Amino acid sequence: MHTLKVIAAGFALLGALHFLSRRLKLGGGDPTGFAVKLFLPLWLVASLVNLWVGVSRAGYTVLQEMPFFSLVFGLPAAFAILLFLRFR
């Protein structure tokens, strides 16, 4: 359940950045690209923090956490890249 919540948070962050970049007209003529380029490093850091919490506090090994890290980072990141390519 935690994994689904974190993935949903990733989509929410992407949506918020996309909305703000369009609303504030950030990124010149490409607000979607600006949002995606900002989202990817932010989401990588958030996903790594989630991995660290799973290892240090929940007691899992890094090897046990890697599939979840792949899902947590990969799904929203893949969607962001597809969004970027779609609106390019």
PDB file of N, CA and C in Angstrom:
ATOM      1  N   MET A   1       0.816  -1.190   0.000  1.00  0.00           N
ATOM      2  CA  MET A   1       0.000   0.000   0.000  1.00  0.00           C
ATOM      3  C   MET A   1       0.869   1.267   0.000  1.00  0.00           C
ATOM      4  N   HIS A   2       1.966   1.194   0.744  1.00  0.00           N
ATOM      5  CA  HIS A   2       2.861   2.349   0.796  1.00  0.00           C
ATOM      6  C   HIS A   2       3.420   2.672  -0.594  1.00  0.00           C
ATOM      7  N   THR A   3       3.770   1.639  -1.332  1.00  0.00           N
ATOM      8  CA  THR A   3       4.328   1.836  -2.665  1.00  0.00           C
ATOM      9  C   THR A   3       3.341   2.563  -3.567  1.00  0.00           C
ATOM     10  N   LEU A   4       2.079   2.183  -3.512  1.00  0.00           N
ATOM     11  CA  LEU A   4       1.063   2.849  -4.330  1.00  0.00           C
ATOM     12  C   LEU A   4       0.901   4.317  -3.940  1.00  0.00           C
ATOM     13  N   LYS A   5       0.980   4.592  -2.653  1.00  0.00           N
ATOM     14  CA  LYS A   5       0.870   5.987  -2.194  1.00  0.00           C
ATOM     15  C   LYS A   5       2.046   6.824  -2.690  1.00  0.00           C
ATOM     16  N   VAL A   6       3.232   6.247  -2.654  1.00  0.00           N
ATOM     17  CA  VAL A   6       4.412   6.986  -3.106  1.00  0.00           C
ATOM     18  C   VAL A   6       4.361   7.202  -4.616  1.00  0.00           C
ATOM     19  N   ILE A   7       3.924   6.199  -5.361  1.00  0.00           N
ATOM     20  CA  ILE A   7       3.783   6.354  -6.812  1.00  0.00           C
ATOM     21  C   ILE A   7       2.741   7.428  -7.115  1.00  0.00           C
ATOM     22  N   ALA A   8       1.632   7.418  -6.389  1.00  0.00           N
ATOM     23  CA  ALA A   8       0.599   8.451  -6.570  1.00  0.00           C
ATOM     24  C   ALA A   8       1.153   9.835  -6.250  1.00  0.00           C
ATOM     25  N   ALA A   9       2.008   9.919  -5.243  1.00  0.00           N
ATOM     26  CA  ALA A   9       2.638  11.202  -4.919  1.00  0.00           C
ATOM     27  C   ALA A   9       3.526  11.675  -6.066  1.00  0.00           C
ATOM     28  N   GLY A  10       4.183  10.750  -6.740  1.00  0.00           N
ATOM     29  CA  GLY A  10       5.001  11.106  -7.895  1.00  0.00           C
ATOM     30  C   GLY A  10       4.163  11.685  -9.019  1.00  0.00           C
ATOM     31  N   PHE A  11       3.029  11.045  -9.301  1.00  0.00           N
ATOM     32  CA  PHE A  11       2.134  11.575 -10.331  1.00  0.00           C
ATOM     33  C   PHE A  11       1.563  12.928  -9.919  1.00  0.00           C
ATOM     34  N   ALA A  12       1.275  13.089  -8.635  1.00  0.00           N
ATOM     35  CA  ALA A  12       0.762  14.373  -8.147  1.00  0.00           C
ATOM     36  C   ALA A  12       1.819  15.471  -8.289  1.00  0.00           C
ATOM     37  N   LEU A  13       3.059  15.152  -7.966  1.00  0.00           N
ATOM     38  CA  LEU A  13       4.141  16.124  -8.130  1.00  0.00           C
ATOM     39  C   LEU A  13       4.307  16.510  -9.591  1.00  0.00           C
ATOM     40  N   LEU A  14       4.279  15.532 -10.468  1.00  0.00           N
ATOM     41  CA  LEU A  14       4.385  15.819 -11.894  1.00  0.00           C
ATOM     42  C   LEU A  14       3.232  16.701 -12.350  1.00  0.00           C
ATOM     43  N   GLY A  15       2.031  16.385 -11.924  1.00  0.00           N
ATOM     44  CA  GLY A  15       0.871  17.190 -12.280  1.00  0.00           C
ATOM     45  C   GLY A  15       0.971  18.617 -11.763  1.00  0.00           C
ATOM     46  N   ALA A  16       1.429  18.765 -10.535  1.00  0.00           N
ATOM     47  CA  ALA A  16       1.577  20.100  -9.960  1.00  0.00           C
ATOM     48  C   ALA A  16       2.633  20.910 -10.704  1.00  0.00           C
ATOM     49  N   LEU A  17       3.756  20.289 -11.017  1.00  0.00           N
ATOM     50  CA  LEU A  17       4.800  21.003 -11.750  1.00  0.00           C
ATOM     51  C   LEU A  17       4.341  21.361 -13.161  1.00  0.00           C
ATOM     52  N   HIS A  18       3.607  20.469 -13.787  1.00  0.00           N
ATOM     53  CA  HIS A  18       3.094  20.738 -15.128  1.00  0.00           C
ATOM     54  C   HIS A  18       2.093  21.891 -15.091  1.00  0.00           C
ATOM     55  N   PHE A  19       1.205  21.865 -14.102  1.00  0.00           N
ATOM     56  CA  PHE A  19       0.224  22.932 -13.955  1.00  0.00           C
ATOM     57  C   PHE A  19       0.906  24.272 -13.699  1.00  0.00           C
ATOM     58  N   LEU A  20       1.846  24.287 -12.765  1.00  0.00           N
ATOM     59  CA  LEU A  20       2.531  25.537 -12.431  1.00  0.00           C
ATOM     60  C   LEU A  20       3.357  26.072 -13.590  1.00  0.00           C
ATOM     61  N   SER A  21       4.009  25.188 -14.317  1.00  0.00           N
ATOM     62  CA  SER A  21       4.831  25.663 -15.433  1.00  0.00           C
ATOM     63  C   SER A  21       3.962  26.244 -16.539  1.00  0.00           C
ATOM     64  N   ARG A  22       2.778  25.682 -16.746  1.00  0.00           N
ATOM     65  CA  ARG A  22       1.856  26.252 -17.740  1.00  0.00           C
ATOM     66  C   ARG A  22       1.257  27.557 -17.233  1.00  0.00           C
ATOM     67  N   ARG A  23       0.848  27.554 -15.982  1.00  0.00           N
ATOM     68  CA  ARG A  23       0.183  28.728 -15.398  1.00  0.00           C
ATOM     69  C   ARG A  23       1.124  29.928 -15.301  1.00  0.00           C
ATOM     70  N   LEU A  24       2.353  29.670 -14.885  1.00  0.00           N
ATOM     71  CA  LEU A  24       3.324  30.749 -14.709  1.00  0.00           C
ATOM     72  C   LEU A  24       4.154  31.003 -15.965  1.00  0.00           C
ATOM     73  N   LYS A  25       3.862  30.235 -17.025  1.00  0.00           N
ATOM     74  CA  LYS A  25       4.556  30.365 -18.308  1.00  0.00           C
ATOM     75  C   LYS A  25       6.075  30.221 -18.137  1.00  0.00           C
ATOM     76  N   LEU A  26       6.457  29.176 -17.411  1.00  0.00           N
ATOM     77  CA  LEU A  26       7.876  28.897 -17.194  1.00  0.00           C
ATOM     78  C   LEU A  26       8.406  28.065 -18.348  1.00  0.00           C
ATOM     79  N   GLY A  27       9.651  28.162 -18.601  1.00  0.00           N
ATOM     80  CA  GLY A  27      10.286  27.358 -19.624  1.00  0.00           C
ATOM     81  C   GLY A  27      10.183  27.926 -21.016  1.00  0.00           C
ATOM     82  N   GLY A  28       9.884  29.200 -21.128  1.00  0.00           N
ATOM     83  CA  GLY A  28       9.790  29.808 -22.450  1.00  0.00           C
ATOM     84  C   GLY A  28       8.621  29.246 -23.223  1.00  0.00           C
ATOM     85  N   GLY A  29       8.898  28.686 -24.370  1.00  0.00           N
ATOM     86  CA  GLY A  29       7.840  28.144 -25.200  1.00  0.00           C
ATOM     87  C   GLY A  29       7.520  26.692 -24.910  1.00  0.00           C
ATOM     88  N   ASP A  30       8.195  26.070 -23.954  1.00  0.00           N
ATOM     89  CA  ASP A  30       7.990  24.645 -23.678  1.00  0.00           C
ATOM     90  C   ASP A  30       7.779  24.411 -22.177  1.00  0.00           C
ATOM     91  N   PRO A  31       6.591  24.748 -21.652  1.00  0.00           N
ATOM     92  CA  PRO A  31       6.373  24.541 -20.217  1.00  0.00           C
ATOM     93  C   PRO A  31       6.353  23.064 -19.819  1.00  0.00           C
ATOM     94  N   THR A  32       5.928  22.186 -20.738  1.00  0.00           N
ATOM     95  CA  THR A  32       5.919  20.757 -20.421  1.00  0.00           C
ATOM     96  C   THR A  32       7.344  20.247 -20.265  1.00  0.00           C
ATOM     97  N   GLY A  33       8.217  20.643 -21.163  1.00  0.00           N
ATOM     98  CA  GLY A  33       9.615  20.242 -21.062  1.00  0.00           C
ATOM     99  C   GLY A  33      10.261  20.751 -19.791  1.00  0.00           C
ATOM    100  N   PHE A  34       9.928  21.976 -19.424  1.00  0.00           N
ATOM    101  CA  PHE A  34      10.461  22.555 -18.192  1.00  0.00           C
ATOM    102  C   PHE A  34      10.007  21.736 -16.987  1.00  0.00           C
ATOM    103  N   ALA A  35       8.717  21.388 -16.960  1.00  0.00           N
ATOM    104  CA  ALA A  35       8.179  20.615 -15.841  1.00  0.00           C
ATOM    105  C   ALA A  35       8.838  19.245 -15.751  1.00  0.00           C
ATOM    106  N   VAL A  36       9.011  18.595 -16.879  1.00  0.00           N
ATOM    107  CA  VAL A  36       9.614  17.256 -16.882  1.00  0.00           C
ATOM    108  C   VAL A  36      11.074  17.327 -16.462  1.00  0.00           C
ATOM    109  N   LYS A  37      11.796  18.310 -16.951  1.00  0.00           N
ATOM    110  CA  LYS A  37      13.216  18.444 -16.592  1.00  0.00           C
ATOM    111  C   LYS A  37      13.395  18.784 -15.115  1.00  0.00           C
ATOM    112  N   LEU A  38      12.439  19.457 -14.528  1.00  0.00           N
ATOM    113  CA  LEU A  38      12.481  19.732 -13.102  1.00  0.00           C
ATOM    114  C   LEU A  38      12.023  18.518 -12.296  1.00  0.00           C
ATOM    115  N   PHE A  39      11.036  17.815 -12.813  1.00  0.00           N
ATOM    116  CA  PHE A  39      10.470  16.664 -12.111  1.00  0.00           C
ATOM    117  C   PHE A  39      11.457  15.513 -11.958  1.00  0.00           C
ATOM    118  N   LEU A  40      12.157  15.166 -13.020  1.00  0.00           N
ATOM    119  CA  LEU A  40      12.994  13.957 -12.996  1.00  0.00           C
ATOM    120  C   LEU A  40      14.052  13.970 -11.883  1.00  0.00           C
ATOM    121  N   PRO A  41      14.850  15.032 -11.728  1.00  0.00           N
ATOM    122  CA  PRO A  41      15.818  14.991 -10.610  1.00  0.00           C
ATOM    123  C   PRO A  41      15.143  15.070  -9.240  1.00  0.00           C
ATOM    124  N   LEU A  42      14.058  15.840  -9.136  1.00  0.00           N
ATOM    125  CA  LEU A  42      13.352  15.903  -7.855  1.00  0.00           C
ATOM    126  C   LEU A  42      12.790  14.541  -7.473  1.00  0.00           C
ATOM    127  N   TRP A  43      12.215  13.851  -8.444  1.00  0.00           N
ATOM    128  CA  TRP A  43      11.622  12.554  -8.166  1.00  0.00           C
ATOM    129  C   TRP A  43      12.690  11.495  -7.897  1.00  0.00           C
ATOM    130  N   LEU A  44      13.833  11.606  -8.537  1.00  0.00           N
ATOM    131  CA  LEU A  44      14.930  10.684  -8.254  1.00  0.00           C
ATOM    132  C   LEU A  44      15.372  10.824  -6.801  1.00  0.00           C
ATOM    133  N   VAL A  45      15.523  12.050  -6.340  1.00  0.00           N
ATOM    134  CA  VAL A  45      15.923  12.279  -4.944  1.00  0.00           C
ATOM    135  C   VAL A  45      14.854  11.744  -3.991  1.00  0.00           C
ATOM    136  N   ALA A  46      13.582  12.034  -4.284  1.00  0.00           N
ATOM    137  CA  ALA A  46      12.498  11.550  -3.424  1.00  0.00           C
ATOM    138  C   ALA A  46      12.455  10.019  -3.403  1.00  0.00           C
ATOM    139  N   SER A  47      12.685   9.396  -4.542  1.00  0.00           N
ATOM    140  CA  SER A  47      12.682   7.931  -4.615  1.00  0.00           C
ATOM    141  C   SER A  47      13.857   7.339  -3.850  1.00  0.00           C
ATOM    142  N   LEU A  48      15.001   7.989  -3.926  1.00  0.00           N
ATOM    143  CA  LEU A  48      16.162   7.511  -3.171  1.00  0.00           C
ATOM    144  C   LEU A  48      15.954   7.677  -1.671  1.00  0.00           C
ATOM    145  N   VAL A  49      15.289   8.751  -1.262  1.00  0.00           N
ATOM    146  CA  VAL A  49      14.959   8.922   0.157  1.00  0.00           C
ATOM    147  C   VAL A  49      14.011   7.818   0.603  1.00  0.00           C
ATOM    148  N   ASN A  50      13.036   7.493  -0.228  1.00  0.00           N
ATOM    149  CA  ASN A  50      12.119   6.405   0.087  1.00  0.00           C
ATOM    150  C   ASN A  50      12.873   5.072   0.213  1.00  0.00           C
ATOM    151  N   LEU A  51      13.836   4.837  -0.666  1.00  0.00           N
ATOM    152  CA  LEU A  51      14.667   3.641  -0.594  1.00  0.00           C
ATOM    153  C   LEU A  51      15.454   3.623   0.710  1.00  0.00           C
ATOM    154  N   TRP A  52      16.045   4.752   1.060  1.00  0.00           N
ATOM    155  CA  TRP A  52      16.840   4.851   2.282  1.00  0.00           C
ATOM    156  C   TRP A  52      15.977   4.569   3.520  1.00  0.00           C
ATOM    157  N   VAL A  53      14.764   5.096   3.532  1.00  0.00           N
ATOM    158  CA  VAL A  53      13.866   4.854   4.666  1.00  0.00           C
ATOM    159  C   VAL A  53      13.529   3.372   4.758  1.00  0.00           C
ATOM    160  N   GLY A  54      13.282   2.739   3.630  1.00  0.00           N
ATOM    161  CA  GLY A  54      12.987   1.308   3.648  1.00  0.00           C
ATOM    162  C   GLY A  54      14.146   0.480   4.166  1.00  0.00           C
ATOM    163  N   VAL A  55      15.356   0.910   3.869  1.00  0.00           N
ATOM    164  CA  VAL A  55      16.539   0.162   4.309  1.00  0.00           C
ATOM    165  C   VAL A  55      16.872   0.479   5.765  1.00  0.00           C
ATOM    166  N   SER A  56      16.885   1.756   6.106  1.00  0.00           N
ATOM    167  CA  SER A  56      17.363   2.133   7.440  1.00  0.00           C
ATOM    168  C   SER A  56      16.309   1.992   8.536  1.00  0.00           C
ATOM    169  N   ARG A  57      15.053   2.228   8.208  1.00  0.00           N
ATOM    170  CA  ARG A  57      14.031   2.214   9.259  1.00  0.00           C
ATOM    171  C   ARG A  57      13.149   0.970   9.219  1.00  0.00           C
ATOM    172  N   ALA A  58      12.827   0.511   8.032  1.00  0.00           N
ATOM    173  CA  ALA A  58      11.933  -0.648   7.927  1.00  0.00           C
ATOM    174  C   ALA A  58      12.686  -1.969   8.008  1.00  0.00           C
ATOM    175  N   GLY A  59      13.996  -1.916   7.873  1.00  0.00           N
ATOM    176  CA  GLY A  59      14.800  -3.112   8.062  1.00  0.00           C
ATOM    177  C   GLY A  59      14.991  -3.994   6.837  1.00  0.00           C
ATOM    178  N   TYR A  60      14.642  -3.489   5.668  1.00  0.00           N
ATOM    179  CA  TYR A  60      14.850  -4.265   4.449  1.00  0.00           C
ATOM    180  C   TYR A  60      16.276  -4.076   3.958  1.00  0.00           C
ATOM    181  N   THR A  61      16.742  -5.003   3.137  1.00  0.00           N
ATOM    182  CA  THR A  61      18.058  -4.841   2.521  1.00  0.00           C
ATOM    183  C   THR A  61      17.886  -4.026   1.228  1.00  0.00           C
ATOM    184  N   VAL A  62      18.982  -3.516   0.726  1.00  0.00           N
ATOM    185  CA  VAL A  62      18.937  -2.763  -0.528  1.00  0.00           C
ATOM    186  C   VAL A  62      18.434  -3.659  -1.653  1.00  0.00           C
ATOM    187  N   LEU A  63      18.864  -4.907  -1.647  1.00  0.00           N
ATOM    188  CA  LEU A  63      18.432  -5.849  -2.676  1.00  0.00           C
ATOM    189  C   LEU A  63      16.920  -6.078  -2.621  1.00  0.00           C
ATOM    190  N   GLN A  64      16.355  -6.113  -1.427  1.00  0.00           N
ATOM    191  CA  GLN A  64      14.913  -6.271  -1.294  1.00  0.00           C
ATOM    192  C   GLN A  64      14.165  -5.016  -1.736  1.00  0.00           C
ATOM    193  N   GLU A  65      14.753  -3.861  -1.545  1.00  0.00           N
ATOM    194  CA  GLU A  65      14.100  -2.596  -1.866  1.00  0.00           C
ATOM    195  C   GLU A  65      14.226  -2.199  -3.337  1.00  0.00           C
ATOM    196  N   MET A  66      15.195  -2.743  -4.055  1.00  0.00           N
ATOM    197  CA  MET A  66      15.436  -2.319  -5.442  1.00  0.00           C
ATOM    198  C   MET A  66      14.243  -2.509  -6.381  1.00  0.00           C
ATOM    199  N   PRO A  67      13.492  -3.610  -6.316  1.00  0.00           N
ATOM    200  CA  PRO A  67      12.321  -3.699  -7.203  1.00  0.00           C
ATOM    201  C   PRO A  67      11.286  -2.609  -6.923  1.00  0.00           C
ATOM    202  N   PHE A  68      11.121  -2.269  -5.653  1.00  0.00           N
ATOM    203  CA  PHE A  68      10.169  -1.225  -5.302  1.00  0.00           C
ATOM    204  C   PHE A  68      10.678   0.145  -5.728  1.00  0.00           C
ATOM    205  N   PHE A  69      11.986   0.351  -5.596  1.00  0.00           N
ATOM    206  CA  PHE A  69      12.573   1.598  -6.085  1.00  0.00           C
ATOM    207  C   PHE A  69      12.357   1.737  -7.585  1.00  0.00           C
ATOM    208  N   SER A  70      12.540   0.639  -8.297  1.00  0.00           N
ATOM    209  CA  SER A  70      12.338   0.664  -9.747  1.00  0.00           C
ATOM    210  C   SER A  70      10.914   1.061 -10.109  1.00  0.00           C
ATOM    211  N   LEU A  71       9.949   0.532  -9.390  1.00  0.00           N
ATOM    212  CA  LEU A  71       8.552   0.898  -9.634  1.00  0.00           C
ATOM    213  C   LEU A  71       8.265   2.337  -9.217  1.00  0.00           C
ATOM    214  N   VAL A  72       8.718   2.699  -8.032  1.00  0.00           N
ATOM    215  CA  VAL A  72       8.431   4.029  -7.494  1.00  0.00           C
ATOM    216  C   VAL A  72       9.026   5.112  -8.385  1.00  0.00           C
ATOM    217  N   PHE A  73      10.253   4.932  -8.810  1.00  0.00           N
ATOM    218  CA  PHE A  73      10.857   5.937  -9.680  1.00  0.00           C
ATOM    219  C   PHE A  73      10.420   5.753 -11.128  1.00  0.00           C
ATOM    220  N   GLY A  74      10.377   4.505 -11.572  1.00  0.00           N
ATOM    221  CA  GLY A  74      10.187   4.223 -12.989  1.00  0.00           C
ATOM    222  C   GLY A  74       8.829   4.592 -13.554  1.00  0.00           C
ATOM    223  N   LEU A  75       7.752   4.292 -12.861  1.00  0.00           N
ATOM    224  CA  LEU A  75       6.427   4.570 -13.412  1.00  0.00           C
ATOM    225  C   LEU A  75       6.179   6.066 -13.633  1.00  0.00           C
ATOM    226  N   PRO A  76       6.349   6.914 -12.610  1.00  0.00           N
ATOM    227  CA  PRO A  76       6.142   8.343 -12.863  1.00  0.00           C
ATOM    228  C   PRO A  76       7.173   8.931 -13.832  1.00  0.00           C
ATOM    229  N   ALA A  77       8.410   8.451 -13.782  1.00  0.00           N
ATOM    230  CA  ALA A  77       9.436   8.968 -14.689  1.00  0.00           C
ATOM    231  C   ALA A  77       9.127   8.587 -16.133  1.00  0.00           C
ATOM    232  N   ALA A  78       8.690   7.366 -16.357  1.00  0.00           N
ATOM    233  CA  ALA A  78       8.328   6.942 -17.714  1.00  0.00           C
ATOM    234  C   ALA A  78       7.148   7.750 -18.233  1.00  0.00           C
ATOM    235  N   PHE A  79       6.164   7.983 -17.378  1.00  0.00           N
ATOM    236  CA  PHE A  79       5.021   8.792 -17.774  1.00  0.00           C
ATOM    237  C   PHE A  79       5.456  10.221 -18.106  1.00  0.00           C
ATOM    238  N   ALA A  80       6.368  10.768 -17.304  1.00  0.00           N
ATOM    239  CA  ALA A  80       6.862  12.123 -17.559  1.00  0.00           C
ATOM    240  C   ALA A  80       7.580  12.196 -18.903  1.00  0.00           C
ATOM    241  N   ILE A  81       8.376  11.201 -19.210  1.00  0.00           N
ATOM    242  CA  ILE A  81       9.095  11.193 -20.483  1.00  0.00           C
ATOM    243  C   ILE A  81       8.127  11.063 -21.647  1.00  0.00           C
ATOM    244  N   LEU A  82       7.117  10.205 -21.492  1.00  0.00           N
ATOM    245  CA  LEU A  82       6.094  10.087 -22.530  1.00  0.00           C
ATOM    246  C   LEU A  82       5.317  11.389 -22.701  1.00  0.00           C
ATOM    247  N   LEU A  83       5.042  12.063 -21.603  1.00  0.00           N
ATOM    248  CA  LEU A  83       4.375  13.364 -21.663  1.00  0.00           C
ATOM    249  C   LEU A  83       5.233  14.367 -22.417  1.00  0.00           C
ATOM    250  N   PHE A  84       6.518  14.367 -22.140  1.00  0.00           N
ATOM    251  CA  PHE A  84       7.447  15.262 -22.834  1.00  0.00           C
ATOM    252  C   PHE A  84       7.478  14.978 -24.321  1.00  0.00           C
ATOM    253  N   LEU A  85       7.559  13.701 -24.665  1.00  0.00           N
ATOM    254  CA  LEU A  85       7.615  13.340 -26.085  1.00  0.00           C
ATOM    255  C   LEU A  85       6.304  13.627 -26.800  1.00  0.00           C
ATOM    256  N   ARG A  86       5.212  13.499 -26.105  1.00  0.00           N
ATOM    257  CA  ARG A  86       3.886  13.735 -26.712  1.00  0.00           C
ATOM    258  C   ARG A  86       3.680  15.206 -27.049  1.00  0.00           C
ATOM    259  N   PHE A  87       4.116  16.084 -26.168  1.00  0.00           N
ATOM    260  CA  PHE A  87       3.883  17.527 -26.360  1.00  0.00           C
ATOM    261  C   PHE A  87       5.074  18.233 -26.966  1.00  0.00           C
ATOM    262  N   ARG A  88       5.970  17.513 -27.531  1.00  0.00           N
ATOM    263  CA  ARG A  88       7.156  18.096 -28.150  1.00  0.00           C
ATOM    264  C   ARG A  88       6.870  18.636 -29.495  1.00  0.00           C
TER     265      ARG A  88
END
